[in-house]
Amino acid sequence: MKETFNIAVDFDGTIVEDAYPEIGKAQLFAFDTLKKLQEEGHRLILWTYRHGRALDAAVAFCKENGITFYAVNKSFPEEEFDTKYSRKINADIFIDDRNIGGLVGWGEIYQTLIGGQAPVAPKKKKGWFGL
């Protein structure tokens, strides 16, 4: 049986380009990688600074792109915020653009966590007739 992880994922600058409070363009391979992680049984937690309408928009954007999170800004769906306890999320892995060295890129994340070949970027056409 394969080991599964709780994976906390940031939104702005990680899943999408940073355009807060707007929603930036999706990062290359972000949704492909997140979908594959979910298919393999990992629990994805959206862990973001966003709240209110901005958070709702981020969650909806992810859902439109095939990702429904196990929990949002909490360790598990039923968790209630209590000021007596730390807000550190209970996750095994964190994916965030604020890592030392920044975000390594979703292709490398895919290879590290899933193994095998990362998705291939679609080739861009050069002008008329692909020239």
C-alpha atoms as a PDB file:
ATOM      1  CA  MET A   1       0.000   0.000   0.000  1.00  0.00           C
ATOM      2  CA  LYS A   2       1.309   3.410  -0.967  1.00  0.00           C
ATOM      3  CA  GLU A   3       1.792   6.073   1.719  1.00  0.00           C
ATOM      4  CA  THR A   4      -0.516   9.086   1.474  1.00  0.00           C
ATOM      5  CA  PHE A   5       0.099  12.594   2.753  1.00  0.00           C
ATOM      6  CA  ASN A   6      -1.740  15.707   3.853  1.00  0.00           C
ATOM      7  CA  ILE A   7      -0.410  18.371   1.501  1.00  0.00           C
ATOM      8  CA  ALA A   8      -0.936  22.076   2.255  1.00  0.00           C
ATOM      9  CA  VAL A   9      -0.909  24.210  -0.889  1.00  0.00           C
ATOM     10  CA  ASP A  10      -0.778  27.999  -1.106  1.00  0.00           C
ATOM     11  CA  PHE A  11      -2.841  29.773  -3.774  1.00  0.00           C
ATOM     12  CA  ASP A  12      -1.373  33.140  -4.858  1.00  0.00           C
ATOM     13  CA  GLY A  13       2.048  32.728  -6.435  1.00  0.00           C
ATOM     14  CA  THR A  14       1.775  28.937  -6.148  1.00  0.00           C
ATOM     15  CA  ILE A  15      -1.314  27.541  -7.879  1.00  0.00           C
ATOM     16  CA  VAL A  16      -1.769  30.787  -9.813  1.00  0.00           C
ATOM     17  CA  GLU A  17       0.467  33.725 -10.641  1.00  0.00           C
ATOM     18  CA  ASP A  18       0.299  36.319  -7.869  1.00  0.00           C
ATOM     19  CA  ALA A  19      -2.358  38.903  -8.714  1.00  0.00           C
ATOM     20  CA  TYR A  20      -4.011  39.228  -5.285  1.00  0.00           C
ATOM     21  CA  PRO A  21      -6.807  40.145  -4.716  1.00  0.00           C
ATOM     22  CA  GLU A  22      -7.589  39.133  -8.311  1.00  0.00           C
ATOM     23  CA  ILE A  23      -6.960  35.594  -9.531  1.00  0.00           C
ATOM     24  CA  GLY A  24      -3.832  35.234 -11.616  1.00  0.00           C
ATOM     25  CA  LYS A  25      -3.201  32.877 -14.501  1.00  0.00           C
ATOM     26  CA  ALA A  26      -2.850  29.211 -13.513  1.00  0.00           C
ATOM     27  CA  GLN A  27       0.762  28.092 -13.099  1.00  0.00           C
ATOM     28  CA  LEU A  28       1.925  25.593 -15.717  1.00  0.00           C
ATOM     29  CA  PHE A  29       1.218  21.995 -14.554  1.00  0.00           C
ATOM     30  CA  ALA A  30      -0.287  23.116 -11.206  1.00  0.00           C
ATOM     31  CA  PHE A  31      -3.721  21.592 -11.786  1.00  0.00           C
ATOM     32  CA  ASP A  32      -2.309  18.528 -13.591  1.00  0.00           C
ATOM     33  CA  THR A  33      -0.106  17.817 -10.581  1.00  0.00           C
ATOM     34  CA  LEU A  34      -2.810  18.496  -7.988  1.00  0.00           C
ATOM     35  CA  LYS A  35      -5.257  16.212  -9.819  1.00  0.00           C
ATOM     36  CA  LYS A  36      -2.682  13.412  -9.960  1.00  0.00           C
ATOM     37  CA  LEU A  37      -1.938  13.825  -6.243  1.00  0.00           C
ATOM     38  CA  GLN A  38      -5.650  13.522  -5.462  1.00  0.00           C
ATOM     39  CA  GLU A  39      -5.958  10.469  -7.726  1.00  0.00           C
ATOM     40  CA  GLU A  40      -3.188   8.844  -5.679  1.00  0.00           C
ATOM     41  CA  GLY A  41      -5.153   9.430  -2.457  1.00  0.00           C
ATOM     42  CA  HIS A  42      -3.313  12.427  -1.017  1.00  0.00           C
ATOM     43  CA  ARG A  43      -5.392  14.986   0.900  1.00  0.00           C
ATOM     44  CA  LEU A  44      -5.003  18.509  -0.418  1.00  0.00           C
ATOM     45  CA  ILE A  45      -5.484  21.424   1.955  1.00  0.00           C
ATOM     46  CA  LEU A  46      -5.742  24.956   0.608  1.00  0.00           C
ATOM     47  CA  TRP A  47      -3.682  27.065   3.038  1.00  0.00           C
ATOM     48  CA  THR A  48      -3.826  30.705   2.001  1.00  0.00           C
ATOM     49  CA  TYR A  49      -3.893  34.257   3.300  1.00  0.00           C
ATOM     50  CA  ARG A  50      -7.181  34.776   1.448  1.00  0.00           C
ATOM     51  CA  HIS A  51     -10.440  35.070   3.336  1.00  0.00           C
ATOM     52  CA  GLY A  52     -14.029  36.122   2.631  1.00  0.00           C
ATOM     53  CA  ARG A  53     -14.933  36.748  -1.020  1.00  0.00           C
ATOM     54  CA  ALA A  54     -11.323  36.468  -2.189  1.00  0.00           C
ATOM     55  CA  LEU A  55     -11.110  33.007  -0.618  1.00  0.00           C
ATOM     56  CA  ASP A  56     -14.460  31.971  -2.087  1.00  0.00           C
ATOM     57  CA  ALA A  57     -13.221  33.059  -5.532  1.00  0.00           C
ATOM     58  CA  ALA A  58     -10.022  31.015  -5.151  1.00  0.00           C
ATOM     59  CA  VAL A  59     -11.916  27.904  -4.037  1.00  0.00           C
ATOM     60  CA  ALA A  60     -14.371  28.304  -6.945  1.00  0.00           C
ATOM     61  CA  PHE A  61     -11.501  28.778  -9.430  1.00  0.00           C
ATOM     62  CA  CYS A  62      -9.865  25.575  -8.222  1.00  0.00           C
ATOM     63  CA  LYS A  63     -13.161  23.686  -8.403  1.00  0.00           C
ATOM     64  CA  GLU A  64     -13.666  24.918 -12.000  1.00  0.00           C
ATOM     65  CA  ASN A  65     -10.229  23.446 -12.735  1.00  0.00           C
ATOM     66  CA  GLY A  66     -11.044  20.054 -11.194  1.00  0.00           C
ATOM     67  CA  ILE A  67      -9.739  20.448  -7.630  1.00  0.00           C
ATOM     68  CA  THR A  68     -11.920  20.220  -4.531  1.00  0.00           C
ATOM     69  CA  PHE A  69      -9.881  20.510  -1.352  1.00  0.00           C
ATOM     70  CA  TYR A  70     -10.107  18.211   1.664  1.00  0.00           C
ATOM     71  CA  ALA A  71     -10.009  21.333   3.861  1.00  0.00           C
ATOM     72  CA  VAL A  72      -9.585  25.086   3.392  1.00  0.00           C
ATOM     73  CA  ASN A  73      -7.479  27.090   5.865  1.00  0.00           C
ATOM     74  CA  LYS A  74      -7.815  24.332   8.463  1.00  0.00           C
ATOM     75  CA  SER A  75      -6.258  20.935   9.112  1.00  0.00           C
ATOM     76  CA  PHE A  76      -9.484  18.982   8.615  1.00  0.00           C
ATOM     77  CA  PRO A  77     -13.007  19.934   7.486  1.00  0.00           C
ATOM     78  CA  GLU A  78     -14.592  19.863  10.962  1.00  0.00           C
ATOM     79  CA  GLU A  79     -11.869  21.900  12.687  1.00  0.00           C
ATOM     80  CA  GLU A  80     -13.129  24.924  14.637  1.00  0.00           C
ATOM     81  CA  PHE A  81     -10.768  27.831  15.231  1.00  0.00           C
ATOM     82  CA  ASP A  82      -9.813  28.156  18.902  1.00  0.00           C
ATOM     83  CA  THR A  83      -7.446  30.947  19.973  1.00  0.00           C
ATOM     84  CA  LYS A  84      -5.971  28.648  22.660  1.00  0.00           C
ATOM     85  CA  TYR A  85      -4.199  26.635  19.962  1.00  0.00           C
ATOM     86  CA  SER A  86      -1.601  27.422  17.319  1.00  0.00           C
ATOM     87  CA  ARG A  87      -2.807  28.014  13.770  1.00  0.00           C
ATOM     88  CA  LYS A  88      -0.033  25.887  12.333  1.00  0.00           C
ATOM     89  CA  ILE A  89      -1.616  23.545   9.834  1.00  0.00           C
ATOM     90  CA  ASN A  90      -1.221  19.792  10.331  1.00  0.00           C
ATOM     91  CA  ALA A  91       0.337  18.832   6.995  1.00  0.00           C
ATOM     92  CA  ASP A  92       3.114  16.494   5.932  1.00  0.00           C
ATOM     93  CA  ILE A  93       4.150  18.575   2.916  1.00  0.00           C
ATOM     94  CA  PHE A  94       3.847  22.291   2.133  1.00  0.00           C
ATOM     95  CA  ILE A  95       3.858  23.672  -1.412  1.00  0.00           C
ATOM     96  CA  ASP A  96       4.377  27.437  -1.324  1.00  0.00           C
ATOM     97  CA  ASP A  97       6.119  30.103  -3.384  1.00  0.00           C
ATOM     98  CA  ARG A  98       7.644  31.457  -0.167  1.00  0.00           C
ATOM     99  CA  ASN A  99       9.879  28.433   0.348  1.00  0.00           C
ATOM    100  CA  ILE A 100      13.566  29.153   0.609  1.00  0.00           C
ATOM    101  CA  GLY A 101      14.565  29.481  -3.019  1.00  0.00           C
ATOM    102  CA  GLY A 102      10.955  30.048  -4.121  1.00  0.00           C
ATOM    103  CA  LEU A 103       8.629  27.674  -5.906  1.00  0.00           C
ATOM    104  CA  VAL A 104      10.659  25.012  -7.717  1.00  0.00           C
ATOM    105  CA  GLY A 105       8.061  24.618 -10.459  1.00  0.00           C
ATOM    106  CA  TRP A 106       5.168  22.222 -10.805  1.00  0.00           C
ATOM    107  CA  GLY A 107       7.064  19.909 -13.179  1.00  0.00           C
ATOM    108  CA  GLU A 108       9.668  19.273 -10.469  1.00  0.00           C
ATOM    109  CA  ILE A 109       6.977  18.978  -7.793  1.00  0.00           C
ATOM    110  CA  TYR A 110       5.241  16.372  -9.954  1.00  0.00           C
ATOM    111  CA  GLN A 111       8.438  14.354 -10.378  1.00  0.00           C
ATOM    112  CA  THR A 112       9.334  14.585  -6.678  1.00  0.00           C
ATOM    113  CA  LEU A 113       5.935  13.616  -5.269  1.00  0.00           C
ATOM    114  CA  ILE A 114       4.555  11.380  -8.007  1.00  0.00           C
ATOM    115  CA  GLY A 115       7.614  10.161  -9.886  1.00  0.00           C
ATOM    116  CA  GLY A 116       7.838   9.454 -13.561  1.00  0.00           C
ATOM    117  CA  GLN A 117       7.533  11.968 -16.339  1.00  0.00           C
ATOM    118  CA  ALA A 118       5.945  15.336 -15.620  1.00  0.00           C
ATOM    119  CA  PRO A 119       3.257  16.574 -18.009  1.00  0.00           C
ATOM    120  CA  VAL A 120       4.572  18.096 -21.226  1.00  0.00           C
ATOM    121  CA  ALA A 121       3.857  21.736 -22.045  1.00  0.00           C
ATOM    122  CA  PRO A 122       1.824  22.255 -25.192  1.00  0.00           C
ATOM    123  CA  LYS A 123       3.925  23.552 -28.067  1.00  0.00           C
ATOM    124  CA  LYS A 124       3.212  27.115 -29.107  1.00  0.00           C
ATOM    125  CA  LYS A 125       2.661  27.841 -32.748  1.00  0.00           C
ATOM    126  CA  LYS A 126       5.008  30.361 -34.360  1.00  0.00           C
ATOM    127  CA  GLY A 127       2.993  32.726 -36.484  1.00  0.00           C
ATOM    128  CA  TRP A 128       1.118  31.628 -39.583  1.00  0.00           C
ATOM    129  CA  PHE A 129       1.187  27.951 -40.567  1.00  0.00           C
ATOM    130  CA  GLY A 130       3.417  27.163 -37.536  1.00  0.00           C
ATOM    131  CA  LEU A 131       6.425  28.926 -39.067  1.00  0.00           C
END
